Amino acid sequence: MALPTSMKALRYSKPEVFGLVEVPLPTLRDNDVLIKLKACGVCGTFPLIPGHETVGVVAAIGKDVKGFEIGERVVADNSELCNECFYCRRGQLLLCENFNAHGVTMDGGFAEYCAYPAGKVFKIHNLTDVDATLLEPASCAAHGLEKIAPKMGSSVLMFGAGPTGLVLSQMLRQNGGCHVVVAAPKGLKMDLAKKLDSADVYIELSRTNPEEQFQKLKAENPYGFDIVVEATGSPKILEDAINYVRRGGKLVVYGVYSDSAKVSWSPSKIFGDEITILGSFSETYMFPTAINYLDSGKVKVQGIVNKTFKLEQWAECLESMRNKSAIKAAIIFD
């Protein structure tokens, strides 16, 4: 198909200052796939042209690209790694010192077109465009699952019921977690957690004074849990989460925290109880796994994206995130 020479995009000129602009189409490298956007998930990172959860159709391919046809439905892994730094050369690609990502450090999917290396583009079949925006968060959840490596019959406590947490809880239930408890405030997210069958037990926490519920949770589980996942991003919840970890268990730091956040734990407890503390950040090469789970319907995501907007409605989209009416939002292009 004939391609335009320019495209519409949402661009930030500086923090909190944005506008719709007309920009040239991305330059297509020899091994790139140009994607015409259908939908792009909304996250909390807003660089020049945001958007790192890209879904669309193949619009053009570089001269060295094989295996893709124009018009095929695809999703893109947003990361581009250097493969040359200290960590890349050790095979620890997620720790790349020159980690670049579309929609984070490079222009992303809040535009009509975006170009990605062919090795980072994957075909999809059954998911809707909107639900497919969750493949990037699901890839992060799949990475978390690999790091946790749950044993069969594990008991799991997850604090938080956000989009990636709801995906991870389902993956844990299907991969060793025989008893999964989700604890989160009452509201849209917990209602959805139940609808998606994300856990075995749901604890709806008070937004004003959950302390009594926390004490009851500890009393009813005197030996704690094999795996405790903190997915709220609250340092206060994270600090207390270690007190729910069974001896020999794992505490997973899965939320997003400010750089200034601090927690205080007893080293004697970590030492004596042999507690493993794990961090799980982003993903590399987990898109095929995420697609297998979501495109097959094994992990349910319908309803997680509950708000959609056009690029022209970006201010409304931001407001839906501020007022928490959006569980997850997406920009749509058709």
C-alpha atoms as a PDB file:
ATOM      1  CA  MET A   1       0.000   0.000   0.000  1.00  0.00           C
ATOM      2  CA  ALA A   2       1.093   3.567  -0.637  1.00  0.00           C
ATOM      3  CA  LEU A   3       2.518   5.164   2.466  1.00  0.00           C
ATOM      4  CA  PRO A   4       2.105   8.815   3.433  1.00  0.00           C
ATOM      5  CA  THR A   5       5.200  10.935   3.944  1.00  0.00           C
ATOM      6  CA  SER A   6       4.064  12.267   7.309  1.00  0.00           C
ATOM      7  CA  MET A   7       1.917  11.124  10.210  1.00  0.00           C
ATOM      8  CA  LYS A   8       0.011  12.462  13.190  1.00  0.00           C
ATOM      9  CA  ALA A   9       1.607  11.926  16.598  1.00  0.00           C
ATOM     10  CA  LEU A  10       1.254  13.005  20.209  1.00  0.00           C
ATOM     11  CA  ARG A  11       4.477  14.670  21.313  1.00  0.00           C
ATOM     12  CA  TYR A  12       5.713  16.008  24.630  1.00  0.00           C
ATOM     13  CA  SER A  13       7.962  19.074  24.316  1.00  0.00           C
ATOM     14  CA  LYS A  14       8.661  18.973  28.064  1.00  0.00           C
ATOM     15  CA  PRO A  15       7.037  17.333  31.102  1.00  0.00           C
ATOM     16  CA  GLU A  16       3.266  17.963  31.159  1.00  0.00           C
ATOM     17  CA  VAL A  17       3.398  19.953  27.902  1.00  0.00           C
ATOM     18  CA  PHE A  18       2.035  18.003  24.938  1.00  0.00           C
ATOM     19  CA  GLY A  19       0.300  18.478  21.633  1.00  0.00           C
ATOM     20  CA  LEU A  20      -0.652  16.795  18.366  1.00  0.00           C
ATOM     21  CA  VAL A  21       1.999  17.292  15.695  1.00  0.00           C
ATOM     22  CA  GLU A  22       2.646  16.241  12.102  1.00  0.00           C
ATOM     23  CA  VAL A  23       5.990  14.445  11.822  1.00  0.00           C
ATOM     24  CA  PRO A  24       7.790  12.417   9.115  1.00  0.00           C
ATOM     25  CA  LEU A  25       7.243   8.656   9.033  1.00  0.00           C
ATOM     26  CA  PRO A  26       9.932   6.707  10.937  1.00  0.00           C
ATOM     27  CA  THR A  27      13.016   5.823   8.922  1.00  0.00           C
ATOM     28  CA  LEU A  28      12.840   2.147   7.988  1.00  0.00           C
ATOM     29  CA  ARG A  29      16.099   0.302   8.633  1.00  0.00           C
ATOM     30  CA  ASP A  30      16.924  -2.763   6.521  1.00  0.00           C
ATOM     31  CA  ASN A  31      15.729  -5.158   9.215  1.00  0.00           C
ATOM     32  CA  ASP A  32      12.744  -3.119  10.410  1.00  0.00           C
ATOM     33  CA  VAL A  33       9.015  -3.695  10.224  1.00  0.00           C
ATOM     34  CA  LEU A  34       6.862  -0.583   9.919  1.00  0.00           C
ATOM     35  CA  ILE A  35       3.644  -0.950  11.896  1.00  0.00           C
ATOM     36  CA  LYS A  36       0.490   1.003  11.204  1.00  0.00           C
ATOM     37  CA  LEU A  37      -0.972   1.509  14.657  1.00  0.00           C
ATOM     38  CA  LYS A  38      -4.360   0.129  15.658  1.00  0.00           C
ATOM     39  CA  ALA A  39      -4.023   0.518  19.433  1.00  0.00           C
ATOM     40  CA  CYS A  40      -1.424   1.398  22.027  1.00  0.00           C
ATOM     41  CA  GLY A  41      -1.651   0.913  25.774  1.00  0.00           C
ATOM     42  CA  VAL A  42      -1.185   3.807  28.177  1.00  0.00           C
ATOM     43  CA  CYS A  43       1.399   3.623  30.935  1.00  0.00           C
ATOM     44  CA  GLY A  44       2.848   6.308  33.202  1.00  0.00           C
ATOM     45  CA  THR A  45       5.943   7.172  31.150  1.00  0.00           C
ATOM     46  CA  PHE A  46       5.701  10.138  28.783  1.00  0.00           C
ATOM     47  CA  PRO A  47       8.847  10.884  26.725  1.00  0.00           C
ATOM     48  CA  LEU A  48       8.910  12.663  23.331  1.00  0.00           C
ATOM     49  CA  ILE A  49       6.359  10.424  21.560  1.00  0.00           C
ATOM     50  CA  PRO A  50       5.037   8.039  24.251  1.00  0.00           C
ATOM     51  CA  GLY A  51       3.515   4.586  23.872  1.00  0.00           C
ATOM     52  CA  HIS A  52       5.311   1.291  24.492  1.00  0.00           C
ATOM     53  CA  GLU A  53       2.441  -1.201  24.147  1.00  0.00           C
ATOM     54  CA  THR A  54       2.037  -1.209  20.372  1.00  0.00           C
ATOM     55  CA  VAL A  55      -0.482  -3.185  18.315  1.00  0.00           C
ATOM     56  CA  GLY A  56      -1.135  -2.791  14.597  1.00  0.00           C
ATOM     57  CA  VAL A  57      -0.689  -4.197  11.124  1.00  0.00           C
ATOM     58  CA  VAL A  58       2.431  -4.530   8.974  1.00  0.00           C
ATOM     59  CA  ALA A  59       2.611  -1.499   6.669  1.00  0.00           C
ATOM     60  CA  ALA A  60       6.089  -1.993   5.159  1.00  0.00           C
ATOM     61  CA  ILE A  61       9.194  -4.133   5.667  1.00  0.00           C
ATOM     62  CA  GLY A  62      12.920  -3.491   5.275  1.00  0.00           C
ATOM     63  CA  LYS A  63      14.809  -5.208   2.475  1.00  0.00           C
ATOM     64  CA  ASP A  64      16.302  -7.855   4.799  1.00  0.00           C
ATOM     65  CA  VAL A  65      13.041  -8.816   6.533  1.00  0.00           C
ATOM     66  CA  LYS A  66      11.558 -12.258   5.941  1.00  0.00           C
ATOM     67  CA  GLY A  67       8.441 -13.938   7.308  1.00  0.00           C
ATOM     68  CA  PHE A  68       6.064 -10.972   7.359  1.00  0.00           C
ATOM     69  CA  GLU A  69       3.346  -9.926   4.941  1.00  0.00           C
ATOM     70  CA  ILE A  70       1.753  -6.531   4.526  1.00  0.00           C
ATOM     71  CA  GLY A  71      -1.474  -6.341   6.514  1.00  0.00           C
ATOM     72  CA  GLU A  72      -0.628  -9.037   9.086  1.00  0.00           C
ATOM     73  CA  ARG A  73      -1.725  -8.259  12.643  1.00  0.00           C
ATOM     74  CA  VAL A  74       1.282  -7.813  14.925  1.00  0.00           C
ATOM     75  CA  VAL A  75       2.444  -6.620  18.314  1.00  0.00           C
ATOM     76  CA  ALA A  76       5.891  -5.175  19.089  1.00  0.00           C
ATOM     77  CA  ASP A  77       8.348  -5.660  21.924  1.00  0.00           C
ATOM     78  CA  ASN A  78       9.457  -2.096  22.624  1.00  0.00           C
ATOM     79  CA  SER A  79      13.016  -2.830  23.790  1.00  0.00           C
ATOM     80  CA  GLU A  80      16.201  -2.373  21.754  1.00  0.00           C
ATOM     81  CA  LEU A  81      19.381  -3.653  23.412  1.00  0.00           C
ATOM     82  CA  CYS A  82      22.999  -2.897  22.535  1.00  0.00           C
ATOM     83  CA  ASN A  83      24.324  -6.520  22.757  1.00  0.00           C
ATOM     84  CA  GLU A  84      27.778  -5.059  23.472  1.00  0.00           C
ATOM     85  CA  CYS A  85      27.887  -3.806  27.078  1.00  0.00           C
ATOM     86  CA  PHE A  86      29.179  -5.648  30.148  1.00  0.00           C
ATOM     87  CA  TYR A  87      25.781  -7.197  30.965  1.00  0.00           C
ATOM     88  CA  CYS A  88      24.743  -8.027  27.406  1.00  0.00           C
ATOM     89  CA  ARG A  89      28.010  -9.883  26.890  1.00  0.00           C
ATOM     90  CA  ARG A  90      27.204 -11.927  30.015  1.00  0.00           C
ATOM     91  CA  GLY A  91      23.771 -12.817  28.640  1.00  0.00           C
ATOM     92  CA  GLN A  92      21.980 -10.528  31.147  1.00  0.00           C
ATOM     93  CA  LEU A  93      20.201  -8.556  28.466  1.00  0.00           C
ATOM     94  CA  LEU A  94      17.558  -7.050  30.733  1.00  0.00           C
ATOM     95  CA  LEU A  95      20.356  -5.230  32.577  1.00  0.00           C
ATOM     96  CA  CYS A  96      21.734  -3.700  29.348  1.00  0.00           C
ATOM     97  CA  GLU A  97      23.597  -0.471  30.153  1.00  0.00           C
ATOM     98  CA  ASN A  98      22.256   1.057  26.932  1.00  0.00           C
ATOM     99  CA  PHE A  99      18.696  -0.224  27.289  1.00  0.00           C
ATOM    100  CA  ASN A 100      16.479   1.682  24.864  1.00  0.00           C
ATOM    101  CA  ALA A 101      12.740   1.310  24.569  1.00  0.00           C
ATOM    102  CA  HIS A 102      10.174   2.754  22.188  1.00  0.00           C
ATOM    103  CA  GLY A 103       7.825   4.955  24.157  1.00  0.00           C
ATOM    104  CA  VAL A 104      10.349   5.349  26.989  1.00  0.00           C
ATOM    105  CA  THR A 105      13.708   6.525  25.617  1.00  0.00           C
ATOM    106  CA  MET A 106      12.750   6.407  21.910  1.00  0.00           C
ATOM    107  CA  ASP A 107       9.674   7.590  20.033  1.00  0.00           C
ATOM    108  CA  GLY A 108       6.819   5.166  20.576  1.00  0.00           C
ATOM    109  CA  GLY A 109       3.335   4.175  19.536  1.00  0.00           C
ATOM    110  CA  PHE A 110       1.292   7.321  20.140  1.00  0.00           C
ATOM    111  CA  ALA A 111       1.632   7.941  16.427  1.00  0.00           C
ATOM    112  CA  GLU A 112       0.076   6.523  13.286  1.00  0.00           C
ATOM    113  CA  TYR A 113       3.223   4.522  12.450  1.00  0.00           C
ATOM    114  CA  CYS A 114       6.217   3.127  14.334  1.00  0.00           C
ATOM    115  CA  ALA A 115       9.200   1.036  13.160  1.00  0.00           C
ATOM    116  CA  TYR A 116      10.661  -1.894  15.112  1.00  0.00           C
ATOM    117  CA  PRO A 117      13.380  -4.499  14.435  1.00  0.00           C
ATOM    118  CA  ALA A 118      11.762  -7.551  12.835  1.00  0.00           C
ATOM    119  CA  GLY A 119      13.033  -9.749  15.668  1.00  0.00           C
ATOM    120  CA  LYS A 120      10.907  -7.718  18.070  1.00  0.00           C
ATOM    121  CA  VAL A 121       7.661  -8.049  16.087  1.00  0.00           C
ATOM    122  CA  PHE A 122       5.230 -10.925  16.672  1.00  0.00           C
ATOM    123  CA  LYS A 123       2.037 -12.060  14.940  1.00  0.00           C
ATOM    124  CA  ILE A 124      -1.263 -12.286  16.807  1.00  0.00           C
ATOM    125  CA  HIS A 125      -4.525 -13.941  15.817  1.00  0.00           C
ATOM    126  CA  ASN A 126      -7.342 -14.038  18.373  1.00  0.00           C
ATOM    127  CA  LEU A 127      -6.918 -11.080  20.704  1.00  0.00           C
ATOM    128  CA  THR A 128      -8.701  -7.834  19.931  1.00  0.00           C
ATOM    129  CA  ASP A 129      -6.436  -4.870  19.212  1.00  0.00           C
ATOM    130  CA  VAL A 130      -7.307  -3.341  22.573  1.00  0.00           C
ATOM    131  CA  ASP A 131      -6.701  -6.530  24.573  1.00  0.00           C
ATOM    132  CA  ALA A 132      -3.459  -7.118  22.667  1.00  0.00           C
ATOM    133  CA  THR A 133      -2.032  -3.925  24.210  1.00  0.00           C
ATOM    134  CA  LEU A 134      -1.713  -6.047  27.372  1.00  0.00           C
ATOM    135  CA  LEU A 135       0.871  -8.339  25.788  1.00  0.00           C
ATOM    136  CA  GLU A 136       3.736  -6.089  26.873  1.00  0.00           C
ATOM    137  CA  PRO A 137       2.585  -6.018  30.529  1.00  0.00           C
ATOM    138  CA  ALA A 138       1.902  -9.763  30.289  1.00  0.00           C
ATOM    139  CA  SER A 139       5.469 -10.280  29.059  1.00  0.00           C
ATOM    140  CA  CYS A 140       6.675  -8.496  32.208  1.00  0.00           C
ATOM    141  CA  ALA A 141       4.442 -10.807  34.262  1.00  0.00           C
ATOM    142  CA  ALA A 142       5.896 -13.843  32.467  1.00  0.00           C
ATOM    143  CA  HIS A 143       9.398 -12.618  33.321  1.00  0.00           C
ATOM    144  CA  GLY A 144       8.291 -12.269  36.936  1.00  0.00           C
ATOM    145  CA  LEU A 145       6.942 -15.822  36.915  1.00  0.00           C
ATOM    146  CA  GLU A 146      10.268 -17.142  35.629  1.00  0.00           C
ATOM    147  CA  LYS A 147      12.141 -15.328  38.391  1.00  0.00           C
ATOM    148  CA  ILE A 148       9.752 -16.561  41.089  1.00  0.00           C
ATOM    149  CA  ALA A 149       9.952 -20.160  39.812  1.00  0.00           C
ATOM    150  CA  PRO A 150       7.110 -21.359  42.071  1.00  0.00           C
ATOM    151  CA  LYS A 151       7.146 -24.921  43.331  1.00  0.00           C
ATOM    152  CA  MET A 152       4.057 -27.062  42.873  1.00  0.00           C
ATOM    153  CA  GLY A 153       1.544 -26.453  45.649  1.00  0.00           C
ATOM    154  CA  SER A 154       2.819 -22.999  46.585  1.00  0.00           C
ATOM    155  CA  SER A 155       0.640 -20.595  48.556  1.00  0.00           C
ATOM    156  CA  VAL A 156       0.706 -17.056  47.177  1.00  0.00           C
ATOM    157  CA  LEU A 157      -0.311 -13.677  48.577  1.00  0.00           C
ATOM    158  CA  MET A 158      -0.479 -10.748  46.163  1.00  0.00           C
ATOM    159  CA  PHE A 159      -0.950  -7.184  47.323  1.00  0.00           C
ATOM    160  CA  GLY A 160      -2.611  -5.160  44.553  1.00  0.00           C
ATOM    161  CA  ALA A 161      -4.967  -5.884  41.687  1.00  0.00           C
ATOM    162  CA  GLY A 162      -3.545  -3.753  38.880  1.00  0.00           C
ATOM    163  CA  PRO A 163      -3.279  -4.924  35.253  1.00  0.00           C
ATOM    164  CA  THR A 164       0.067  -6.753  35.476  1.00  0.00           C
ATOM    165  CA  GLY A 165      -0.810  -8.138  38.900  1.00  0.00           C
ATOM    166  CA  LEU A 166      -4.035  -9.662  37.566  1.00  0.00           C
ATOM    167  CA  VAL A 167      -2.070 -11.324  34.761  1.00  0.00           C
ATOM    168  CA  LEU A 168       0.697 -12.545  37.075  1.00  0.00           C
ATOM    169  CA  SER A 169      -1.804 -13.975  39.582  1.00  0.00           C
ATOM    170  CA  GLN A 170      -3.415 -16.029  36.815  1.00  0.00           C
ATOM    171  CA  MET A 171      -0.026 -17.255  35.609  1.00  0.00           C
ATOM    172  CA  LEU A 172       0.905 -18.219  39.169  1.00  0.00           C
ATOM    173  CA  ARG A 173      -2.351 -20.190  39.543  1.00  0.00           C
ATOM    174  CA  GLN A 174      -1.484 -22.156  36.423  1.00  0.00           C
ATOM    175  CA  ASN A 175       2.164 -22.716  37.313  1.00  0.00           C
ATOM    176  CA  GLY A 176       2.471 -24.056  40.843  1.00  0.00           C
ATOM    177  CA  GLY A 177       0.364 -21.631  42.858  1.00  0.00           C
ATOM    178  CA  CYS A 178      -2.405 -23.860  44.182  1.00  0.00           C
ATOM    179  CA  HIS A 179      -3.738 -21.261  46.622  1.00  0.00           C
ATOM    180  CA  VAL A 180      -3.595 -17.611  45.504  1.00  0.00           C
ATOM    181  CA  VAL A 181      -4.892 -14.763  47.677  1.00  0.00           C
ATOM    182  CA  VAL A 182      -5.324 -11.257  46.230  1.00  0.00           C
ATOM    183  CA  ALA A 183      -5.568  -8.414  48.744  1.00  0.00           C
ATOM    184  CA  ALA A 184      -6.533  -4.990  47.388  1.00  0.00           C
ATOM    185  CA  PRO A 185      -8.964  -2.159  48.080  1.00  0.00           C
ATOM    186  CA  LYS A 186     -12.613  -2.678  47.191  1.00  0.00           C
ATOM    187  CA  GLY A 187     -13.573  -1.218  43.825  1.00  0.00           C
ATOM    188  CA  LEU A 188     -13.200  -1.612  40.061  1.00  0.00           C
ATOM    189  CA  LYS A 189      -9.975  -3.597  40.138  1.00  0.00           C
ATOM    190  CA  MET A 190     -11.135  -6.120  42.715  1.00  0.00           C
ATOM    191  CA  ASP A 191     -14.451  -6.544  40.901  1.00  0.00           C
ATOM    192  CA  LEU A 192     -12.483  -7.323  37.752  1.00  0.00           C
ATOM    193  CA  ALA A 193     -10.105  -9.672  39.607  1.00  0.00           C
ATOM    194  CA  LYS A 194     -13.108 -11.801  40.579  1.00  0.00           C
ATOM    195  CA  LYS A 195     -14.578 -11.669  37.074  1.00  0.00           C
ATOM    196  CA  LEU A 196     -11.273 -12.876  35.601  1.00  0.00           C
ATOM    197  CA  ASP A 197     -10.983 -15.659  38.220  1.00  0.00           C
ATOM    198  CA  SER A 198      -7.565 -14.324  39.170  1.00  0.00           C
ATOM    199  CA  ALA A 199      -7.359 -15.885  42.630  1.00  0.00           C
ATOM    200  CA  ASP A 200      -8.788 -18.441  45.039  1.00  0.00           C
ATOM    201  CA  VAL A 201      -9.447 -15.902  47.792  1.00  0.00           C
ATOM    202  CA  TYR A 202     -10.134 -12.154  47.590  1.00  0.00           C
ATOM    203  CA  ILE A 203      -9.590  -9.803  50.513  1.00  0.00           C
ATOM    204  CA  GLU A 204     -11.198  -6.412  49.963  1.00  0.00           C
ATOM    205  CA  LEU A 205      -9.149  -3.993  52.037  1.00  0.00           C
ATOM    206  CA  SER A 206     -10.515  -0.840  53.621  1.00  0.00           C
ATOM    207  CA  ARG A 207      -9.107   2.285  51.969  1.00  0.00           C
ATOM    208  CA  THR A 208      -9.053   4.186  55.265  1.00  0.00           C
ATOM    209  CA  ASN A 209      -8.073   1.658  57.941  1.00  0.00           C
ATOM    210  CA  PRO A 210      -7.057  -1.815  56.709  1.00  0.00           C
ATOM    211  CA  GLU A 211      -4.997  -2.643  59.814  1.00  0.00           C
ATOM    212  CA  GLU A 212      -7.650  -4.929  61.321  1.00  0.00           C
ATOM    213  CA  GLN A 213      -7.839  -6.884  58.058  1.00  0.00           C
ATOM    214  CA  PHE A 214      -4.048  -7.186  57.919  1.00  0.00           C
ATOM    215  CA  GLN A 215      -3.994  -8.617  61.441  1.00  0.00           C
ATOM    216  CA  LYS A 216      -6.770 -11.065  60.571  1.00  0.00           C
ATOM    217  CA  LEU A 217      -4.872 -12.165  57.457  1.00  0.00           C
ATOM    218  CA  LYS A 218      -1.800 -12.882  59.581  1.00  0.00           C
ATOM    219  CA  ALA A 219      -3.853 -14.703  62.213  1.00  0.00           C
ATOM    220  CA  GLU A 220      -5.568 -16.919  59.635  1.00  0.00           C
ATOM    221  CA  ASN A 221      -2.230 -17.763  57.987  1.00  0.00           C
ATOM    222  CA  PRO A 222       0.133 -18.254  60.951  1.00  0.00           C
ATOM    223  CA  TYR A 223       2.807 -19.855  58.769  1.00  0.00           C
ATOM    224  CA  GLY A 224       2.530 -17.151  56.138  1.00  0.00           C
ATOM    225  CA  PHE A 225       2.840 -17.740  52.393  1.00  0.00           C
ATOM    226  CA  ASP A 226       5.482 -19.356  50.214  1.00  0.00           C
ATOM    227  CA  ILE A 227       5.369 -16.382  47.858  1.00  0.00           C
ATOM    228  CA  VAL A 228       4.358 -12.794  48.648  1.00  0.00           C
ATOM    229  CA  VAL A 229       4.113 -10.360  45.729  1.00  0.00           C
ATOM    230  CA  GLU A 230       3.989  -6.618  46.426  1.00  0.00           C
ATOM    231  CA  ALA A 231       2.371  -5.104  43.324  1.00  0.00           C
ATOM    232  CA  THR A 232       0.949  -1.835  44.653  1.00  0.00           C
ATOM    233  CA  GLY A 233       4.055   0.347  44.535  1.00  0.00           C
ATOM    234  CA  SER A 234       3.488   1.359  48.186  1.00  0.00           C
ATOM    235  CA  PRO A 235       6.694   1.338  50.293  1.00  0.00           C
ATOM    236  CA  LYS A 236       4.550   0.971  53.416  1.00  0.00           C
ATOM    237  CA  ILE A 237       2.874  -2.199  52.101  1.00  0.00           C
ATOM    238  CA  LEU A 238       6.240  -3.510  50.878  1.00  0.00           C
ATOM    239  CA  GLU A 239       7.856  -2.973  54.269  1.00  0.00           C
ATOM    240  CA  ASP A 240       5.146  -4.989  56.013  1.00  0.00           C
ATOM    241  CA  ALA A 241       4.929  -7.627  53.253  1.00  0.00           C
ATOM    242  CA  ILE A 242       7.964  -9.463  54.606  1.00  0.00           C
ATOM    243  CA  ASN A 243       5.919 -10.336  57.705  1.00  0.00           C
ATOM    244  CA  TYR A 244       3.634 -12.517  55.571  1.00  0.00           C
ATOM    245  CA  VAL A 245       6.473 -14.559  54.075  1.00  0.00           C
ATOM    246  CA  ARG A 246       6.790 -18.137  55.290  1.00  0.00           C
ATOM    247  CA  ARG A 247      10.214 -19.270  56.484  1.00  0.00           C
ATOM    248  CA  GLY A 248      12.178 -20.243  53.383  1.00  0.00           C
ATOM    249  CA  GLY A 249       9.759 -18.227  51.242  1.00  0.00           C
ATOM    250  CA  LYS A 250      10.094 -15.459  48.675  1.00  0.00           C
ATOM    251  CA  LEU A 251       9.201 -11.778  48.696  1.00  0.00           C
ATOM    252  CA  VAL A 252       8.737 -10.324  45.207  1.00  0.00           C
ATOM    253  CA  VAL A 253       9.242  -6.585  44.722  1.00  0.00           C
ATOM    254  CA  TYR A 254       6.936  -6.122  41.750  1.00  0.00           C
ATOM    255  CA  GLY A 255       5.492  -2.608  42.109  1.00  0.00           C
ATOM    256  CA  VAL A 256       6.920   0.622  40.718  1.00  0.00           C
ATOM    257  CA  TYR A 257       8.390   2.900  43.387  1.00  0.00           C
ATOM    258  CA  SER A 258       9.949   6.346  43.429  1.00  0.00           C
ATOM    259  CA  ASP A 259      13.743   6.495  43.542  1.00  0.00           C
ATOM    260  CA  SER A 260      13.535   8.107  46.963  1.00  0.00           C
ATOM    261  CA  ALA A 261      11.380   5.336  48.514  1.00  0.00           C
ATOM    262  CA  LYS A 262      12.982   3.396  51.378  1.00  0.00           C
ATOM    263  CA  VAL A 263      12.001   0.332  53.421  1.00  0.00           C
ATOM    264  CA  SER A 264      13.452  -1.096  56.632  1.00  0.00           C
ATOM    265  CA  TRP A 265      13.738  -4.846  57.211  1.00  0.00           C
ATOM    266  CA  SER A 266      15.395  -6.870  59.919  1.00  0.00           C
ATOM    267  CA  PRO A 267      18.473  -8.568  58.456  1.00  0.00           C
ATOM    268  CA  SER A 268      18.180 -11.119  61.261  1.00  0.00           C
ATOM    269  CA  LYS A 269      14.738 -12.154  59.984  1.00  0.00           C
ATOM    270  CA  ILE A 270      15.958 -12.451  56.392  1.00  0.00           C
ATOM    271  CA  PHE A 271      18.961 -14.439  57.601  1.00  0.00           C
ATOM    272  CA  GLY A 272      17.230 -16.683  60.115  1.00  0.00           C
ATOM    273  CA  ASP A 273      14.120 -17.367  58.007  1.00  0.00           C
ATOM    274  CA  GLU A 274      16.162 -17.728  54.811  1.00  0.00           C
ATOM    275  CA  ILE A 275      13.860 -15.350  52.953  1.00  0.00           C
ATOM    276  CA  THR A 276      14.635 -14.671  49.308  1.00  0.00           C
ATOM    277  CA  ILE A 277      13.902 -11.128  48.105  1.00  0.00           C
ATOM    278  CA  LEU A 278      13.402 -10.833  44.352  1.00  0.00           C
ATOM    279  CA  GLY A 279      13.093  -7.820  42.078  1.00  0.00           C
ATOM    280  CA  SER A 280      11.264  -8.147  38.773  1.00  0.00           C
ATOM    281  CA  PHE A 281      11.644  -5.375  36.226  1.00  0.00           C
ATOM    282  CA  SER A 282      10.448  -5.321  32.598  1.00  0.00           C
ATOM    283  CA  GLU A 283      11.223  -8.304  30.325  1.00  0.00           C
ATOM    284  CA  THR A 284      13.322  -9.582  27.458  1.00  0.00           C
ATOM    285  CA  TYR A 285      12.251 -12.268  24.995  1.00  0.00           C
ATOM    286  CA  MET A 286       9.014 -13.099  26.841  1.00  0.00           C
ATOM    287  CA  PHE A 287       6.567 -11.961  24.148  1.00  0.00           C
ATOM    288  CA  PRO A 288       6.137 -15.468  22.641  1.00  0.00           C
ATOM    289  CA  THR A 289       5.222 -16.795  26.088  1.00  0.00           C
ATOM    290  CA  ALA A 290       2.784 -13.957  26.738  1.00  0.00           C
ATOM    291  CA  ILE A 291       1.157 -14.449  23.340  1.00  0.00           C
ATOM    292  CA  ASN A 292       0.755 -18.170  24.019  1.00  0.00           C
ATOM    293  CA  TYR A 293      -1.089 -17.461  27.261  1.00  0.00           C
ATOM    294  CA  LEU A 294      -3.247 -14.521  26.130  1.00  0.00           C
ATOM    295  CA  ASP A 295      -3.977 -15.350  22.493  1.00  0.00           C
ATOM    296  CA  SER A 296      -5.113 -18.839  23.543  1.00  0.00           C
ATOM    297  CA  GLY A 297      -7.363 -17.465  26.276  1.00  0.00           C
ATOM    298  CA  LYS A 298      -5.557 -19.347  29.049  1.00  0.00           C
ATOM    299  CA  VAL A 299      -4.944 -16.006  30.751  1.00  0.00           C
ATOM    300  CA  LYS A 300      -8.006 -13.762  30.622  1.00  0.00           C
ATOM    301  CA  VAL A 301      -7.624 -10.040  30.075  1.00  0.00           C
ATOM    302  CA  GLN A 302     -11.042  -8.888  28.853  1.00  0.00           C
ATOM    303  CA  GLY A 303     -12.057  -5.763  30.744  1.00  0.00           C
ATOM    304  CA  ILE A 304      -8.606  -4.778  32.024  1.00  0.00           C
ATOM    305  CA  VAL A 305      -8.533  -2.028  29.390  1.00  0.00           C
ATOM    306  CA  ASN A 306     -11.772  -0.315  30.332  1.00  0.00           C
ATOM    307  CA  LYS A 307     -11.153   3.103  28.758  1.00  0.00           C
ATOM    308  CA  THR A 308     -10.177   3.910  25.163  1.00  0.00           C
ATOM    309  CA  PHE A 309      -9.404   7.284  23.633  1.00  0.00           C
ATOM    310  CA  LYS A 310      -8.294   8.855  20.354  1.00  0.00           C
ATOM    311  CA  LEU A 311      -5.017  10.793  20.246  1.00  0.00           C
ATOM    312  CA  GLU A 312      -7.072  13.984  20.210  1.00  0.00           C
ATOM    313  CA  GLN A 313      -8.571  12.954  23.572  1.00  0.00           C
ATOM    314  CA  TRP A 314      -5.254  12.651  25.392  1.00  0.00           C
ATOM    315  CA  ALA A 315      -6.205  15.207  28.056  1.00  0.00           C
ATOM    316  CA  GLU A 316      -9.359  13.162  28.820  1.00  0.00           C
ATOM    317  CA  CYS A 317      -7.238  10.014  28.984  1.00  0.00           C
ATOM    318  CA  LEU A 318      -4.905  11.602  31.536  1.00  0.00           C
ATOM    319  CA  GLU A 319      -7.887  12.666  33.628  1.00  0.00           C
ATOM    320  CA  SER A 320      -9.267   9.107  33.651  1.00  0.00           C
ATOM    321  CA  MET A 321      -5.923   7.961  35.054  1.00  0.00           C
ATOM    322  CA  ARG A 322      -5.863  10.714  37.665  1.00  0.00           C
ATOM    323  CA  ASN A 323      -9.394  10.050  38.891  1.00  0.00           C
ATOM    324  CA  LYS A 324      -8.796   6.264  38.782  1.00  0.00           C
ATOM    325  CA  SER A 325     -11.807   5.527  36.589  1.00  0.00           C
ATOM    326  CA  ALA A 326      -9.396   3.762  34.214  1.00  0.00           C
ATOM    327  CA  ILE A 327      -8.120   0.360  35.275  1.00  0.00           C
ATOM    328  CA  LYS A 328      -6.059   0.517  32.113  1.00  0.00           C
ATOM    329  CA  ALA A 329      -6.443   2.905  29.185  1.00  0.00           C
ATOM    330  CA  ALA A 330      -5.506   2.576  25.521  1.00  0.00           C
ATOM    331  CA  ILE A 331      -5.214   4.891  22.547  1.00  0.00           C
ATOM    332  CA  ILE A 332      -7.076   3.609  19.478  1.00  0.00           C
ATOM    333  CA  PHE A 333      -6.579   4.705  15.880  1.00  0.00           C
ATOM    334  CA  ASP A 334      -9.649   3.429  13.977  1.00  0.00           C
END
